[in-house]
Amino acid sequence: MTTMVAVVHEGETGLTGVRAAKVPAPEPGAGEVVVALRAAGLNHRDLFLVGARGPGDARVVLGSDGAGVVVAAGAGVAPAPGTEVVINPSLDWEEPDDVPDVPAILGVPTDGTFAEYVVVPAHNVAPKPAHLDWAEAAALPLAALTAYRALFTRGGLRPGAHVLLPGIGSGVATFALAMAKAVGATVTVTSRSAEKCRQARELGADHAIGSAEDWTSAVSQPVDLVVDSVGSATFGKCVSVLRPGGRLVSLGATTGPDVQLSLRDMFFRQISLLGTSMGSAREFERMLALVAEHRIRPVVHRTFPLPDGPRALAELARGDQFGKLVLTVD
């Protein structure tokens, strides 16, 4: 049986159970393609999953994001071998309004993209945007899809709106910054790091404020839309800066999920609180079209060779990056 190098989790919970290993290479079934990966993007989801797995769980290849070349396909399946593709990690979700109970995502419990090869449904690959290199293309899928749905499908972003992005530096936030500026929005970002604020301004942010500042006095104008993944630490501030009729889209809770909210504040000011997670195949197509039209380039903080996957995940856990960490495959 043909083998390949992959980054797997097995045994101990957390990062101590992550290692590079030789595993069987996948074969395509009906309706599937095998992609020879050129790069694979890291996400905080990878950390959450290894933290939830234990000694009784079977070995699994980690990773949700990837880009590469189709090398094998099931009978009658397109695209043909040789096609350069980016992988949509959102499984079995076609239309934006057909929201699943829990979005199914490539990588755990299925084998994922931290490997030389991955097998995926043929309809989960799309042509790689021509202006992106392999690392940039691999950085796109999960974070860019999440940002697109948060901004446009759920947030209803329009040109000229004022968008607030707390916790700039994450993959989703940096994509949201690029997409919002591409359609003519004004963007304010926040961070505990002065350096991340500086980098965000270089990427086009109109305003950058410290996380500890008084946001209501620091923002230049009332906010139309907040896209937040920070959670409890910033929730009150996010609500306070919204204009009457504004919208807060929540897509994560890195500082905790429990918040306090005055219902009077919500209904008198007619604020909309919206949740989102991942996105559909249709939104993935629209996201790629937006990226291509505006030649948006993902922010890649650093690349690592595939066997250094455990070290890359450890760096992700430290949270110092601005943009995406990516594994490259020779």
Protein backbone atom coordinates (compact mmCIF):
# COMPACT_ATOMS: atom_id res chain seq x y z
CA MET A 1 0.00 0.00 0.00
CA THR A 2 1.27 3.48 -0.90
CA THR A 3 2.06 5.68 2.07
CA MET A 4 2.39 9.42 2.60
CA VAL A 5 3.62 11.88 5.22
CA ALA A 6 0.88 13.42 7.35
CA VAL A 7 0.43 15.33 10.61
CA VAL A 8 -1.80 13.21 12.83
CA HIS A 9 -3.31 13.22 16.29
CA GLU A 10 -3.33 10.02 18.32
CA GLY A 11 -2.99 9.14 21.98
CA GLU A 12 -2.56 11.99 24.44
CA THR A 13 -4.99 14.90 24.50
CA GLY A 14 -3.76 18.20 23.11
CA LEU A 15 -0.58 19.08 21.26
CA THR A 16 1.40 16.27 22.91
CA GLY A 17 -0.63 13.85 20.78
CA VAL A 18 0.33 15.57 17.49
CA ARG A 19 3.14 14.13 15.36
CA ALA A 20 4.27 13.66 11.78
CA ALA A 21 3.84 10.07 10.62
CA LYS A 22 3.67 7.77 7.60
CA VAL A 23 0.07 6.78 6.88
CA PRO A 24 -1.74 5.08 3.96
CA ALA A 25 -2.37 7.38 1.01
CA PRO A 26 -6.08 7.78 0.10
CA GLU A 27 -7.84 6.39 -2.95
CA PRO A 28 -10.86 8.09 -4.57
CA GLY A 29 -14.31 6.57 -4.33
CA ALA A 30 -17.37 7.38 -6.40
CA GLY A 31 -17.79 11.15 -6.70
CA GLU A 32 -14.40 11.88 -5.12
CA VAL A 33 -11.03 13.28 -6.16
CA VAL A 34 -7.56 12.94 -4.68
CA VAL A 35 -5.67 16.22 -4.34
CA ALA A 36 -1.87 16.30 -4.11
CA LEU A 37 -1.54 19.13 -1.63
CA ARG A 38 0.92 21.95 -2.16
CA ALA A 39 -0.02 23.79 1.03
CA ALA A 40 -2.41 23.52 3.98
CA GLY A 41 -3.65 26.30 6.25
CA LEU A 42 -3.90 26.10 10.04
CA ASN A 43 -6.99 27.13 11.99
CA HIS A 44 -7.90 27.43 15.66
CA ARG A 45 -10.34 24.59 14.97
CA ASP A 46 -7.32 22.28 14.82
CA LEU A 47 -6.38 23.27 18.37
CA PHE A 48 -9.94 22.83 19.65
CA LEU A 49 -10.15 19.35 18.15
CA VAL A 50 -6.88 18.01 19.54
CA GLY A 51 -7.87 19.43 22.92
CA ALA A 52 -11.10 17.43 22.80
CA ARG A 53 -9.64 14.09 21.66
CA GLY A 54 -8.28 11.46 24.00
CA PRO A 55 -6.40 8.15 24.17
CA GLY A 56 -9.41 6.16 22.99
CA ASP A 57 -9.80 8.05 19.72
CA ALA A 58 -8.44 6.59 16.49
CA ARG A 59 -5.54 8.21 14.68
CA VAL A 60 -6.69 11.00 12.35
CA VAL A 61 -5.01 13.34 9.89
CA LEU A 62 -5.59 16.93 10.99
CA GLY A 63 -6.37 19.98 8.85
CA SER A 64 -9.32 21.56 7.03
CA ASP A 65 -7.75 24.00 4.55
CA GLY A 66 -5.71 23.10 1.51
CA ALA A 67 -4.78 23.79 -2.09
CA GLY A 68 -3.12 21.54 -4.63
CA VAL A 69 -3.44 19.56 -7.85
CA VAL A 70 -6.03 16.89 -8.65
CA VAL A 71 -4.14 13.64 -9.32
CA ALA A 72 -6.90 11.03 -9.34
CA ALA A 73 -10.68 11.00 -9.71
CA GLY A 74 -13.53 8.55 -9.47
CA ALA A 75 -15.23 7.44 -12.67
CA GLY A 76 -17.03 10.24 -14.50
CA VAL A 77 -15.88 12.90 -12.03
CA ALA A 78 -14.66 16.41 -12.87
CA PRO A 79 -12.30 18.22 -12.55
CA ALA A 80 -9.71 16.26 -14.49
CA PRO A 81 -6.32 15.28 -13.09
CA GLY A 82 -3.85 18.15 -13.40
CA THR A 83 -6.34 20.84 -12.35
CA GLU A 84 -5.07 23.30 -9.74
CA VAL A 85 -7.69 23.64 -7.02
CA VAL A 86 -8.54 25.08 -3.64
CA ILE A 87 -10.60 22.92 -1.27
CA ASN A 88 -13.91 23.98 0.26
CA PRO A 89 -13.84 22.41 3.75
CA SER A 90 -17.58 22.92 4.35
CA LEU A 91 -19.24 19.57 3.65
CA ASP A 92 -22.86 18.90 2.61
CA TRP A 93 -24.06 22.52 2.79
CA GLU A 94 -25.15 23.86 -0.59
CA GLU A 95 -27.30 26.99 -0.13
CA PRO A 96 -26.84 29.85 2.39
CA ASP A 97 -30.28 29.46 3.99
CA ASP A 98 -30.11 25.67 4.40
CA VAL A 99 -28.23 25.97 7.69
CA PRO A 100 -27.25 22.59 9.19
CA ASP A 101 -27.57 21.90 12.92
CA VAL A 102 -23.77 21.73 13.10
CA PRO A 103 -21.71 22.45 9.96
CA ALA A 104 -19.69 19.39 8.88
CA ILE A 105 -16.06 20.34 8.21
CA LEU A 106 -13.25 18.44 6.51
CA GLY A 107 -10.69 17.08 8.98
CA VAL A 108 -11.78 15.21 12.13
CA PRO A 109 -13.56 12.90 12.15
CA THR A 110 -12.49 12.48 8.49
CA ASP A 111 -8.83 12.67 7.50
CA GLY A 112 -7.86 16.21 6.59
CA THR A 113 -5.33 18.31 4.73
CA PHE A 114 -2.13 18.17 6.81
CA ALA A 115 -0.79 15.55 4.42
CA GLU A 116 0.72 14.97 1.01
CA TYR A 117 -2.68 13.84 -0.32
CA VAL A 118 -6.34 14.19 0.67
CA VAL A 119 -9.53 12.72 -0.75
CA VAL A 120 -12.59 15.01 -0.93
CA PRO A 121 -15.94 15.10 -2.75
CA ALA A 122 -15.40 16.39 -6.28
CA HIS A 123 -17.87 19.24 -5.74
CA ASN A 124 -15.72 20.48 -2.83
CA VAL A 125 -12.90 21.67 -5.04
CA ALA A 126 -12.80 24.88 -7.09
CA PRO A 127 -10.19 26.40 -9.44
CA LYS A 128 -7.37 28.11 -7.55
CA PRO A 129 -7.47 31.90 -7.96
CA ALA A 130 -4.78 32.60 -10.53
CA HIS A 131 -3.23 35.57 -8.70
CA LEU A 132 -2.49 33.58 -5.53
CA ASP A 133 0.52 31.40 -4.77
CA TRP A 134 0.01 28.03 -3.09
CA ALA A 135 0.43 29.25 0.48
CA GLU A 136 -2.02 32.12 -0.09
CA ALA A 137 -4.57 29.80 -1.70
CA ALA A 138 -4.32 27.33 1.19
CA ALA A 139 -4.86 30.17 3.67
CA LEU A 140 -8.24 31.05 2.14
CA PRO A 141 -10.90 28.42 2.71
CA LEU A 142 -12.24 28.21 6.24
CA ALA A 143 -11.39 31.72 7.46
CA ALA A 144 -12.30 33.54 4.23
CA LEU A 145 -15.59 31.64 3.90
CA THR A 146 -16.44 32.45 7.53
CA ALA A 147 -15.58 36.13 7.00
CA TYR A 148 -17.61 36.33 3.79
CA ARG A 149 -20.78 34.90 5.36
CA ALA A 150 -20.37 37.07 8.46
CA LEU A 151 -19.96 40.29 6.46
CA PHE A 152 -22.36 39.83 3.58
CA THR A 153 -24.92 37.06 4.17
CA ARG A 154 -25.47 37.69 7.88
CA GLY A 155 -24.15 41.22 8.28
CA GLY A 156 -25.68 42.71 5.13
CA LEU A 157 -22.58 44.83 4.49
CA ARG A 158 -23.03 47.68 2.03
CA PRO A 159 -20.53 50.20 0.59
CA GLY A 160 -19.99 53.14 2.90
CA ALA A 161 -20.85 51.23 6.09
CA HIS A 162 -18.66 51.46 9.21
CA VAL A 163 -17.38 48.03 10.29
CA LEU A 164 -15.68 47.21 13.60
CA LEU A 165 -13.37 44.17 13.78
CA PRO A 166 -12.28 43.36 17.36
CA GLY A 167 -9.12 41.31 17.79
CA ILE A 168 -7.43 42.03 14.49
CA GLY A 169 -4.70 39.55 13.59
CA SER A 170 -6.77 36.38 13.34
CA GLY A 171 -7.31 34.84 9.93
CA VAL A 172 -11.02 35.67 9.86
CA ALA A 173 -10.47 39.28 10.96
CA THR A 174 -7.73 39.93 8.41
CA PHE A 175 -9.92 38.52 5.63
CA ALA A 176 -12.87 40.60 6.86
CA LEU A 177 -10.67 43.72 6.76
CA ALA A 178 -9.64 43.06 3.15
CA MET A 179 -13.17 42.21 1.99
CA ALA A 180 -14.81 45.16 3.72
CA LYS A 181 -12.30 47.62 2.26
CA ALA A 182 -12.72 46.03 -1.18
CA VAL A 183 -16.42 46.96 -1.24
CA GLY A 184 -15.89 50.50 0.07
CA ALA A 185 -16.53 50.20 3.81
CA THR A 186 -14.85 52.17 6.58
CA VAL A 187 -13.08 49.75 8.94
CA THR A 188 -12.03 50.19 12.55
CA VAL A 189 -9.99 47.43 14.21
CA THR A 190 -9.01 46.74 17.80
CA SER A 191 -6.12 44.86 19.38
CA ARG A 192 -4.18 44.59 22.61
CA SER A 193 -1.05 44.84 20.43
CA ALA A 194 0.15 48.19 19.10
CA GLU A 195 2.12 46.29 16.45
CA LYS A 196 -1.01 44.51 15.18
CA CYS A 197 -2.81 47.86 15.05
CA ARG A 198 0.07 49.23 12.97
CA GLN A 199 -0.02 46.24 10.60
CA ALA A 200 -3.78 46.59 10.19
CA ARG A 201 -3.43 50.25 9.21
CA GLU A 202 -0.83 49.22 6.61
CA LEU A 203 -3.41 46.82 5.17
CA GLY A 204 -5.99 49.57 4.85
CA ALA A 205 -7.76 49.85 8.21
CA ASP A 206 -9.06 53.39 8.62
CA HIS A 207 -8.77 53.40 12.41
CA ALA A 208 -7.10 51.17 15.01
CA ILE A 209 -7.74 51.38 18.76
CA GLY A 210 -6.42 49.53 21.77
CA SER A 211 -8.57 46.83 23.35
CA ALA A 212 -8.33 48.56 26.74
CA GLU A 213 -9.42 51.98 25.45
CA ASP A 214 -12.88 53.49 25.89
CA TRP A 215 -14.31 52.45 22.53
CA THR A 216 -17.29 54.78 22.64
CA SER A 217 -15.01 57.81 22.67
CA ALA A 218 -12.29 56.28 20.46
CA VAL A 219 -14.41 55.30 17.45
CA SER A 220 -14.76 58.02 14.82
CA GLN A 221 -18.47 57.41 14.18
CA PRO A 222 -21.21 54.99 15.29
CA VAL A 223 -20.69 51.49 13.96
CA ASP A 224 -23.08 49.82 11.50
CA LEU A 225 -21.67 46.30 11.79
CA VAL A 226 -19.47 44.47 14.28
CA VAL A 227 -17.95 41.10 13.34
CA ASP A 228 -16.69 39.57 16.57
CA SER A 229 -14.89 36.34 17.45
CA VAL A 230 -13.49 37.47 20.80
CA GLY A 231 -16.59 36.86 22.90
CA SER A 232 -17.17 37.84 26.51
CA ALA A 233 -14.15 40.14 26.93
CA THR A 234 -15.38 42.60 24.31
CA PHE A 235 -19.11 41.92 23.96
CA GLY A 236 -20.26 44.90 26.05
CA LYS A 237 -17.99 47.28 24.17
CA CYS A 238 -19.19 45.90 20.84
CA VAL A 239 -22.81 46.61 21.74
CA SER A 240 -21.99 50.07 23.11
CA VAL A 241 -20.52 51.39 19.84
CA LEU A 242 -23.31 50.16 17.55
CA ARG A 243 -25.60 52.78 16.08
CA PRO A 244 -29.36 52.34 16.60
CA GLY A 245 -30.36 49.59 14.19
CA GLY A 246 -26.81 48.25 14.01
CA ARG A 247 -25.84 44.59 13.73
CA LEU A 248 -23.44 42.42 15.73
CA VAL A 249 -22.37 39.16 14.07
CA SER A 250 -20.77 36.65 16.44
CA LEU A 251 -18.64 33.83 15.04
CA GLY A 252 -16.50 32.77 18.00
CA ALA A 253 -15.79 33.10 21.69
CA THR A 254 -12.06 32.89 22.30
CA THR A 255 -12.39 34.66 25.66
CA GLY A 256 -15.54 32.79 26.72
CA PRO A 257 -19.16 32.34 25.58
CA ASP A 258 -21.09 33.85 28.49
CA VAL A 259 -22.13 37.51 28.19
CA GLN A 260 -24.51 39.97 29.83
CA LEU A 261 -27.03 41.89 27.75
CA SER A 262 -29.72 44.38 28.66
CA LEU A 263 -32.79 43.50 26.62
CA ARG A 264 -33.96 47.11 26.96
CA ASP A 265 -30.71 48.26 25.35
CA MET A 266 -31.31 45.76 22.59
CA PHE A 267 -34.94 46.54 21.76
CA PHE A 268 -34.94 50.31 22.36
CA ARG A 269 -31.90 50.71 20.09
CA GLN A 270 -33.21 47.97 17.75
CA ILE A 271 -29.89 46.14 17.63
CA SER A 272 -29.66 42.83 15.73
CA LEU A 273 -27.56 40.04 17.28
CA LEU A 274 -26.66 37.40 14.70
CA GLY A 275 -24.70 34.17 14.90
CA THR A 276 -22.73 32.54 12.12
CA SER A 277 -20.33 29.65 11.54
CA MET A 278 -18.61 28.57 8.32
CA GLY A 279 -20.67 28.89 5.14
CA SER A 280 -22.27 27.14 2.18
CA ALA A 281 -20.96 26.00 -1.19
CA ARG A 282 -22.71 28.94 -2.86
CA GLU A 283 -21.00 31.39 -0.49
CA PHE A 284 -17.65 29.71 -1.16
CA GLU A 285 -18.13 30.41 -4.89
CA ARG A 286 -19.06 34.04 -4.17
CA MET A 287 -16.10 34.45 -1.83
CA LEU A 288 -13.68 33.19 -4.49
CA ALA A 289 -15.26 35.53 -7.04
CA LEU A 290 -14.78 38.50 -4.69
CA VAL A 291 -11.17 37.49 -4.03
CA ALA A 292 -10.49 37.22 -7.75
CA GLU A 293 -12.29 40.45 -8.72
CA HIS A 294 -10.46 42.57 -6.15
CA ARG A 295 -7.25 40.51 -6.23
CA ILE A 296 -7.39 40.06 -2.47
CA ARG A 297 -4.25 38.40 -1.11
CA PRO A 298 -4.43 36.51 2.20
CA VAL A 299 -2.02 37.61 4.90
CA VAL A 300 0.37 34.68 5.46
CA HIS A 301 2.29 35.22 8.68
CA ARG A 302 4.65 32.26 8.29
CA THR A 303 5.06 28.97 6.47
CA PHE A 304 6.39 25.65 7.82
CA PRO A 305 7.33 22.45 5.98
CA LEU A 306 4.70 19.74 6.46
CA PRO A 307 6.71 17.61 8.95
CA ASP A 308 6.93 20.69 11.21
CA GLY A 309 3.17 20.67 11.69
CA PRO A 310 3.43 20.11 15.48
CA ARG A 311 5.67 23.18 15.79
CA ALA A 312 3.30 25.24 13.66
CA LEU A 313 0.34 24.29 15.84
CA ALA A 314 2.31 25.26 18.94
CA GLU A 315 2.94 28.69 17.41
CA LEU A 316 -0.76 29.03 16.58
CA ALA A 317 -1.59 28.26 20.21
CA ARG A 318 0.63 31.14 21.37
CA GLY A 319 -1.52 33.55 19.35
CA ASP A 320 1.18 36.02 18.32
CA GLN A 321 0.62 35.74 14.56
CA PHE A 322 -0.91 38.37 12.29
CA GLY A 323 -2.69 36.44 9.56
CA LYS A 324 -2.40 32.77 8.71
CA LEU A 325 0.12 30.02 9.41
CA VAL A 326 0.54 27.57 6.53
CA LEU A 327 2.19 24.18 6.00
CA THR A 328 3.94 23.67 2.66
CA VAL A 329 4.39 20.36 0.85
CA ASP A 330 7.45 19.83 -1.38
